[in-house]
Amino acid sequence: MKMQRNIKLRLNEVKDFVEAASRCNFDIDIFYNRYVVDAKSILGVYGLDLTKILTVSYDGYDSAFEEVLKGLAVAC
């Protein structure tokens, strides 16, 4: 089942987010509008507009990654 979460990232949070995503053994994408990047790519994530609400899409479960997402979650 594909999961999607809306998050808001600040510059100082990108490194921790990418590290948490990199520890997962499933694919994770992060996107805004039509720009989709691999959430395990620090350059890709920095290339997104971090002033906007981003959507994280993934198909798997990792409790540590879920905790990171909880801290970045926004209500929509």
PDB file of N, CA and C in Angstrom:
ATOM      1  N   MET A   1       0.836  -1.175   0.000  1.00  0.00           N
ATOM      2  CA  MET A   1       0.000   0.000   0.000  1.00  0.00           C
ATOM      3  C   MET A   1       0.888   1.247   0.000  1.00  0.00           C
ATOM      4  N   LYS A   2       0.640   2.143  -0.931  1.00  0.00           N
ATOM      5  CA  LYS A   2       1.422   3.375  -1.071  1.00  0.00           C
ATOM      6  C   LYS A   2       0.975   4.386  -0.013  1.00  0.00           C
ATOM      7  N   MET A   3       1.937   4.909   0.738  1.00  0.00           N
ATOM      8  CA  MET A   3       1.656   5.913   1.769  1.00  0.00           C
ATOM      9  C   MET A   3       2.101   7.274   1.273  1.00  0.00           C
ATOM     10  N   GLN A   4       1.385   8.318   1.675  1.00  0.00           N
ATOM     11  CA  GLN A   4       1.781   9.682   1.364  1.00  0.00           C
ATOM     12  C   GLN A   4       1.627  10.529   2.605  1.00  0.00           C
ATOM     13  N   ARG A   5       2.627  11.373   2.836  1.00  0.00           N
ATOM     14  CA  ARG A   5       2.614  12.297   3.972  1.00  0.00           C
ATOM     15  C   ARG A   5       3.022  13.673   3.487  1.00  0.00           C
ATOM     16  N   ASN A   6       2.386  14.699   3.996  1.00  0.00           N
ATOM     17  CA  ASN A   6       2.770  16.075   3.687  1.00  0.00           C
ATOM     18  C   ASN A   6       3.697  16.570   4.784  1.00  0.00           C
ATOM     19  N   ILE A   7       4.815  17.147   4.367  1.00  0.00           N
ATOM     20  CA  ILE A   7       5.806  17.624   5.329  1.00  0.00           C
ATOM     21  C   ILE A   7       6.284  19.015   4.939  1.00  0.00           C
ATOM     22  N   LYS A   8       6.917  19.670   5.874  1.00  0.00           N
ATOM     23  CA  LYS A   8       7.570  20.957   5.649  1.00  0.00           C
ATOM     24  C   LYS A   8       9.009  20.796   6.135  1.00  0.00           C
ATOM     25  N   LEU A   9       9.959  21.000   5.225  1.00  0.00           N
ATOM     26  CA  LEU A   9      11.380  20.858   5.547  1.00  0.00           C
ATOM     27  C   LEU A   9      12.056  22.222   5.620  1.00  0.00           C
ATOM     28  N   ARG A  10      12.908  22.392   6.616  1.00  0.00           N
ATOM     29  CA  ARG A  10      13.777  23.562   6.683  1.00  0.00           C
ATOM     30  C   ARG A  10      15.179  23.118   6.273  1.00  0.00           C
ATOM     31  N   LEU A  11      16.015  24.062   5.893  1.00  0.00           N
ATOM     32  CA  LEU A  11      17.370  23.719   5.445  1.00  0.00           C
ATOM     33  C   LEU A  11      18.120  22.852   6.450  1.00  0.00           C
ATOM     34  N   ASN A  12      17.988  23.162   7.724  1.00  0.00           N
ATOM     35  CA  ASN A  12      18.737  22.423   8.738  1.00  0.00           C
ATOM     36  C   ASN A  12      18.170  21.026   9.004  1.00  0.00           C
ATOM     37  N   GLU A  13      17.003  20.694   8.428  1.00  0.00           N
ATOM     38  CA  GLU A  13      16.389  19.385   8.627  1.00  0.00           C
ATOM     39  C   GLU A  13      16.622  18.420   7.459  1.00  0.00           C
ATOM     40  N   VAL A  14      17.108  18.936   6.346  1.00  0.00           N
ATOM     41  CA  VAL A  14      17.258  18.119   5.141  1.00  0.00           C
ATOM     42  C   VAL A  14      18.220  16.954   5.380  1.00  0.00           C
ATOM     43  N   LYS A  15      19.347  17.213   5.988  1.00  0.00           N
ATOM     44  CA  LYS A  15      20.353  16.161   6.205  1.00  0.00           C
ATOM     45  C   LYS A  15      19.773  15.013   7.039  1.00  0.00           C
ATOM     46  N   ASP A  16      19.094  15.321   8.126  1.00  0.00           N
ATOM     47  CA  ASP A  16      18.511  14.282   8.976  1.00  0.00           C
ATOM     48  C   ASP A  16      17.423  13.506   8.231  1.00  0.00           C
ATOM     49  N   PHE A  17      16.618  14.212   7.440  1.00  0.00           N
ATOM     50  CA  PHE A  17      15.569  13.555   6.663  1.00  0.00           C
ATOM     51  C   PHE A  17      16.172  12.567   5.661  1.00  0.00           C
ATOM     52  N   VAL A  18      17.179  13.008   4.921  1.00  0.00           N
ATOM     53  CA  VAL A  18      17.804  12.157   3.909  1.00  0.00           C
ATOM     54  C   VAL A  18      18.497  10.959   4.566  1.00  0.00           C
ATOM     55  N   GLU A  19      19.145  11.173   5.693  1.00  0.00           N
ATOM     56  CA  GLU A  19      19.790  10.060   6.398  1.00  0.00           C
ATOM     57  C   GLU A  19      18.765   9.029   6.852  1.00  0.00           C
ATOM     58  N   ALA A  20      17.622   9.488   7.370  1.00  0.00           N
ATOM     59  CA  ALA A  20      16.564   8.566   7.810  1.00  0.00           C
ATOM     60  C   ALA A  20      15.998   7.808   6.613  1.00  0.00           C
ATOM     61  N   ALA A  21      15.793   8.490   5.499  1.00  0.00           N
ATOM     62  CA  ALA A  21      15.273   7.849   4.288  1.00  0.00           C
ATOM     63  C   ALA A  21      16.279   6.826   3.749  1.00  0.00           C
ATOM     64  N   SER A  22      17.551   7.141   3.827  1.00  0.00           N
ATOM     65  CA  SER A  22      18.592   6.261   3.299  1.00  0.00           C
ATOM     66  C   SER A  22      18.699   4.949   4.071  1.00  0.00           C
ATOM     67  N   ARG A  23      18.289   4.955   5.313  1.00  0.00           N
ATOM     68  CA  ARG A  23      18.338   3.728   6.120  1.00  0.00           C
ATOM     69  C   ARG A  23      17.191   2.765   5.790  1.00  0.00           C
ATOM     70  N   CYS A  24      16.212   3.218   5.025  1.00  0.00           N
ATOM     71  CA  CYS A  24      15.061   2.377   4.673  1.00  0.00           C
ATOM     72  C   CYS A  24      15.393   1.512   3.467  1.00  0.00           C
ATOM     73  N   ASN A  25      14.834   0.309   3.440  1.00  0.00           N
ATOM     74  CA  ASN A  25      15.111  -0.617   2.342  1.00  0.00           C
ATOM     75  C   ASN A  25      13.997  -0.611   1.292  1.00  0.00           C
ATOM     76  N   PHE A  26      13.287   0.494   1.165  1.00  0.00           N
ATOM     77  CA  PHE A  26      12.250   0.658   0.154  1.00  0.00           C
ATOM     78  C   PHE A  26      12.400   2.038  -0.478  1.00  0.00           C
ATOM     79  N   ASP A  27      11.774   2.211  -1.640  1.00  0.00           N
ATOM     80  CA  ASP A  27      11.876   3.479  -2.358  1.00  0.00           C
ATOM     81  C   ASP A  27      11.042   4.555  -1.687  1.00  0.00           C
ATOM     82  N   ILE A  28      11.611   5.759  -1.651  1.00  0.00           N
ATOM     83  CA  ILE A  28      10.921   6.915  -1.086  1.00  0.00           C
ATOM     84  C   ILE A  28      11.108   8.073  -2.053  1.00  0.00           C
ATOM     85  N   ASP A  29      10.003   8.657  -2.475  1.00  0.00           N
ATOM     86  CA  ASP A  29      10.035   9.833  -3.339  1.00  0.00           C
ATOM     87  C   ASP A  29       9.506  11.026  -2.569  1.00  0.00           C
ATOM     88  N   ILE A  30      10.008  12.186  -2.917  1.00  0.00           N
ATOM     89  CA  ILE A  30       9.508  13.425  -2.346  1.00  0.00           C
ATOM     90  C   ILE A  30       9.230  14.362  -3.511  1.00  0.00           C
ATOM     91  N   PHE A  31       8.081  15.022  -3.465  1.00  0.00           N
ATOM     92  CA  PHE A  31       7.735  15.847  -4.617  1.00  0.00           C
ATOM     93  C   PHE A  31       6.934  17.086  -4.246  1.00  0.00           C
ATOM     94  N   TYR A  32       6.976  18.026  -5.167  1.00  0.00           N
ATOM     95  CA  TYR A  32       6.181  19.240  -5.121  1.00  0.00           C
ATOM     96  C   TYR A  32       5.762  19.523  -6.555  1.00  0.00           C
ATOM     97  N   ASN A  33       4.452  19.652  -6.777  1.00  0.00           N
ATOM     98  CA  ASN A  33       3.899  19.810  -8.125  1.00  0.00           C
ATOM     99  C   ASN A  33       4.400  18.675  -9.009  1.00  0.00           C
ATOM    100  N   ARG A  34       5.096  18.980 -10.089  1.00  0.00           N
ATOM    101  CA  ARG A  34       5.536  17.920 -11.004  1.00  0.00           C
ATOM    102  C   ARG A  34       6.993  17.508 -10.797  1.00  0.00           C
ATOM    103  N   TYR A  35       7.674  18.086  -9.825  1.00  0.00           N
ATOM    104  CA  TYR A  35       9.071  17.757  -9.557  1.00  0.00           C
ATOM    105  C   TYR A  35       9.137  16.619  -8.546  1.00  0.00           C
ATOM    106  N   VAL A  36       9.656  15.479  -8.982  1.00  0.00           N
ATOM    107  CA  VAL A  36       9.773  14.295  -8.135  1.00  0.00           C
ATOM    108  C   VAL A  36      11.248  13.935  -8.023  1.00  0.00           C
ATOM    109  N   VAL A  37      11.720  13.746  -6.794  1.00  0.00           N
ATOM    110  CA  VAL A  37      13.110  13.351  -6.588  1.00  0.00           C
ATOM    111  C   VAL A  37      13.166  12.185  -5.604  1.00  0.00           C
ATOM    112  N   ASP A  38      14.266  11.487  -5.642  1.00  0.00           N
ATOM    113  CA  ASP A  38      14.537  10.407  -4.705  1.00  0.00           C
ATOM    114  C   ASP A  38      14.844  11.035  -3.346  1.00  0.00           C
ATOM    115  N   ALA A  39      14.103  10.645  -2.325  1.00  0.00           N
ATOM    116  CA  ALA A  39      14.296  11.217  -0.988  1.00  0.00           C
ATOM    117  C   ALA A  39      15.631  10.825  -0.371  1.00  0.00           C
ATOM    118  N   LYS A  40      16.327   9.881  -0.974  1.00  0.00           N
ATOM    119  CA  LYS A  40      17.631   9.460  -0.471  1.00  0.00           C
ATOM    120  C   LYS A  40      18.765  10.267  -1.097  1.00  0.00           C
ATOM    121  N   SER A  41      18.419  11.243  -1.937  1.00  0.00           N
ATOM    122  CA  SER A  41      19.400  12.097  -2.606  1.00  0.00           C
ATOM    123  C   SER A  41      19.400  13.481  -1.969  1.00  0.00           C
ATOM    124  N   ILE A  42      20.479  13.811  -1.289  1.00  0.00           N
ATOM    125  CA  ILE A  42      20.534  15.111  -0.609  1.00  0.00           C
ATOM    126  C   ILE A  42      20.498  16.258  -1.616  1.00  0.00           C
ATOM    127  N   LEU A  43      21.172  16.100  -2.753  1.00  0.00           N
ATOM    128  CA  LEU A  43      21.132  17.150  -3.773  1.00  0.00           C
ATOM    129  C   LEU A  43      19.739  17.283  -4.368  1.00  0.00           C
ATOM    130  N   GLY A  44      19.067  16.167  -4.558  1.00  0.00           N
ATOM    131  CA  GLY A  44      17.709  16.208  -5.088  1.00  0.00           C
ATOM    132  C   GLY A  44      16.765  16.935  -4.150  1.00  0.00           C
ATOM    133  N   VAL A  45      16.858  16.644  -2.865  1.00  0.00           N
ATOM    134  CA  VAL A  45      15.975  17.288  -1.888  1.00  0.00           C
ATOM    135  C   VAL A  45      16.294  18.775  -1.774  1.00  0.00           C
ATOM    136  N   TYR A  46      17.580  19.125  -1.767  1.00  0.00           N
ATOM    137  CA  TYR A  46      17.941  20.549  -1.730  1.00  0.00           C
ATOM    138  C   TYR A  46      17.461  21.286  -2.980  1.00  0.00           C
ATOM    139  N   GLY A  47      17.271  20.567  -4.085  1.00  0.00           N
ATOM    140  CA  GLY A  47      16.808  21.183  -5.322  1.00  0.00           C
ATOM    141  C   GLY A  47      15.334  21.535  -5.322  1.00  0.00           C
ATOM    142  N   LEU A  48      14.584  21.015  -4.351  1.00  0.00           N
ATOM    143  CA  LEU A  48      13.160  21.330  -4.263  1.00  0.00           C
ATOM    144  C   LEU A  48      12.960  22.688  -3.593  1.00  0.00           C
ATOM    145  N   ASP A  49      11.798  23.257  -3.788  1.00  0.00           N
ATOM    146  CA  ASP A  49      11.446  24.527  -3.158  1.00  0.00           C
ATOM    147  C   ASP A  49      11.051  24.249  -1.710  1.00  0.00           C
ATOM    148  N   LEU A  50      11.950  24.483  -0.779  1.00  0.00           N
ATOM    149  CA  LEU A  50      11.720  24.154   0.622  1.00  0.00           C
ATOM    150  C   LEU A  50      10.787  25.133   1.328  1.00  0.00           C
ATOM    151  N   THR A  51      10.323  26.149   0.623  1.00  0.00           N
ATOM    152  CA  THR A  51       9.341  27.067   1.216  1.00  0.00           C
ATOM    153  C   THR A  51       7.930  26.523   1.064  1.00  0.00           C
ATOM    154  N   LYS A  52       7.775  25.443   0.304  1.00  0.00           N
ATOM    155  CA  LYS A  52       6.460  24.853   0.032  1.00  0.00           C
ATOM    156  C   LYS A  52       6.261  23.573   0.842  1.00  0.00           C
ATOM    157  N   ILE A  53       5.006  23.164   0.939  1.00  0.00           N
ATOM    158  CA  ILE A  53       4.686  21.882   1.554  1.00  0.00           C
ATOM    159  C   ILE A  53       5.016  20.795   0.541  1.00  0.00           C
ATOM    160  N   LEU A  54       5.779  19.795   0.975  1.00  0.00           N
ATOM    161  CA  LEU A  54       6.232  18.706   0.113  1.00  0.00           C
ATOM    162  C   LEU A  54       5.470  17.428   0.453  1.00  0.00           C
ATOM    163  N   THR A  55       5.351  16.551  -0.503  1.00  0.00           N
ATOM    164  CA  THR A  55       4.679  15.266  -0.291  1.00  0.00           C
ATOM    165  C   THR A  55       5.703  14.145  -0.385  1.00  0.00           C
ATOM    166  N   VAL A  56       5.700  13.285   0.621  1.00  0.00           N
ATOM    167  CA  VAL A  56       6.579  12.121   0.655  1.00  0.00           C
ATOM    168  C   VAL A  56       5.726  10.901   0.327  1.00  0.00           C
ATOM    169  N   SER A  57       6.182  10.111  -0.636  1.00  0.00           N
ATOM    170  CA  SER A  57       5.454   8.921  -1.067  1.00  0.00           C
ATOM    171  C   SER A  57       6.371   7.713  -0.902  1.00  0.00           C
ATOM    172  N   TYR A  58       5.863   6.671  -0.258  1.00  0.00           N
ATOM    173  CA  TYR A  58       6.688   5.489  -0.012  1.00  0.00           C
ATOM    174  C   TYR A  58       5.805   4.255   0.143  1.00  0.00           C
ATOM    175  N   ASP A  59       6.422   3.100  -0.036  1.00  0.00           N
ATOM    176  CA  ASP A  59       5.701   1.837   0.025  1.00  0.00           C
ATOM    177  C   ASP A  59       6.483   0.885   0.914  1.00  0.00           C
ATOM    178  N   GLY A  60       6.355   1.081   2.205  1.00  0.00           N
ATOM    179  CA  GLY A  60       7.085   0.268   3.165  1.00  0.00           C
ATOM    180  C   GLY A  60       6.905   0.860   4.546  1.00  0.00           C
ATOM    181  N   TYR A  61       7.509   0.229   5.542  1.00  0.00           N
ATOM    182  CA  TYR A  61       7.392   0.737   6.907  1.00  0.00           C
ATOM    183  C   TYR A  61       8.736   0.650   7.616  1.00  0.00           C
ATOM    184  N   ASP A  62       9.095   1.735   8.270  1.00  0.00           N
ATOM    185  CA  ASP A  62      10.281   1.794   9.115  1.00  0.00           C
ATOM    186  C   ASP A  62       9.934   2.727  10.272  1.00  0.00           C
ATOM    187  N   SER A  63       9.978   2.237  11.491  1.00  0.00           N
ATOM    188  CA  SER A  63       9.530   3.024  12.639  1.00  0.00           C
ATOM    189  C   SER A  63      10.359   4.291  12.840  1.00  0.00           C
ATOM    190  N   ALA A  64      11.664   4.222  12.605  1.00  0.00           N
ATOM    191  CA  ALA A  64      12.507   5.417  12.766  1.00  0.00           C
ATOM    192  C   ALA A  64      12.149   6.471  11.723  1.00  0.00           C
ATOM    193  N   PHE A  65      11.882   6.043  10.495  1.00  0.00           N
ATOM    194  CA  PHE A  65      11.491   6.979   9.442  1.00  0.00           C
ATOM    195  C   PHE A  65      10.128   7.593   9.753  1.00  0.00           C
ATOM    196  N   GLU A  66       9.213   6.799  10.287  1.00  0.00           N
ATOM    197  CA  GLU A  66       7.896   7.317  10.668  1.00  0.00           C
ATOM    198  C   GLU A  66       8.014   8.397  11.742  1.00  0.00           C
ATOM    199  N   GLU A  67       8.944   8.223  12.679  1.00  0.00           N
ATOM    200  CA  GLU A  67       9.162   9.233  13.717  1.00  0.00           C
ATOM    201  C   GLU A  67       9.679  10.538  13.124  1.00  0.00           C
ATOM    202  N   VAL A  68      10.591  10.439  12.154  1.00  0.00           N
ATOM    203  CA  VAL A  68      11.105  11.632  11.486  1.00  0.00           C
ATOM    204  C   VAL A  68       9.962  12.346  10.759  1.00  0.00           C
ATOM    205  N   LEU A  69       9.142  11.576  10.064  1.00  0.00           N
ATOM    206  CA  LEU A  69       8.011  12.176   9.341  1.00  0.00           C
ATOM    207  C   LEU A  69       7.023  12.840  10.283  1.00  0.00           C
ATOM    208  N   LYS A  70       6.808  12.227  11.453  1.00  0.00           N
ATOM    209  CA  LYS A  70       5.897  12.808  12.447  1.00  0.00           C
ATOM    210  C   LYS A  70       6.369  14.203  12.871  1.00  0.00           C
ATOM    211  N   GLY A  71       7.673  14.347  13.023  1.00  0.00           N
ATOM    212  CA  GLY A  71       8.226  15.628  13.434  1.00  0.00           C
ATOM    213  C   GLY A  71       8.156  16.694  12.352  1.00  0.00           C
ATOM    214  N   LEU A  72       8.018  16.273  11.096  1.00  0.00           N
ATOM    215  CA  LEU A  72       7.984  17.215   9.969  1.00  0.00           C
ATOM    216  C   LEU A  72       6.575  17.398   9.406  1.00  0.00           C
ATOM    217  N   ALA A  73       5.617  16.656   9.910  1.00  0.00           N
ATOM    218  CA  ALA A  73       4.268  16.640   9.343  1.00  0.00           C
ATOM    219  C   ALA A  73       3.570  17.987   9.465  1.00  0.00           C
ATOM    220  N   VAL A  74       2.747  18.272   8.460  1.00  0.00           N
ATOM    221  CA  VAL A  74       1.883  19.450   8.479  1.00  0.00           C
ATOM    222  C   VAL A  74       0.454  18.994   8.245  1.00  0.00           C
ATOM    223  N   ALA A  75      -0.469  19.722   8.799  1.00  0.00           N
ATOM    224  CA  ALA A  75      -1.892  19.415   8.608  1.00  0.00           C
ATOM    225  C   ALA A  75      -2.357  20.041   7.298  1.00  0.00           C
ATOM    226  N   CYS A  76      -3.056  19.262   6.510  1.00  0.00           N
ATOM    227  CA  CYS A  76      -3.601  19.762   5.246  1.00  0.00           C
ATOM    228  C   CYS A  76      -5.056  19.421   5.133  1.00  0.00           C
TER     229      CYS A  76
END
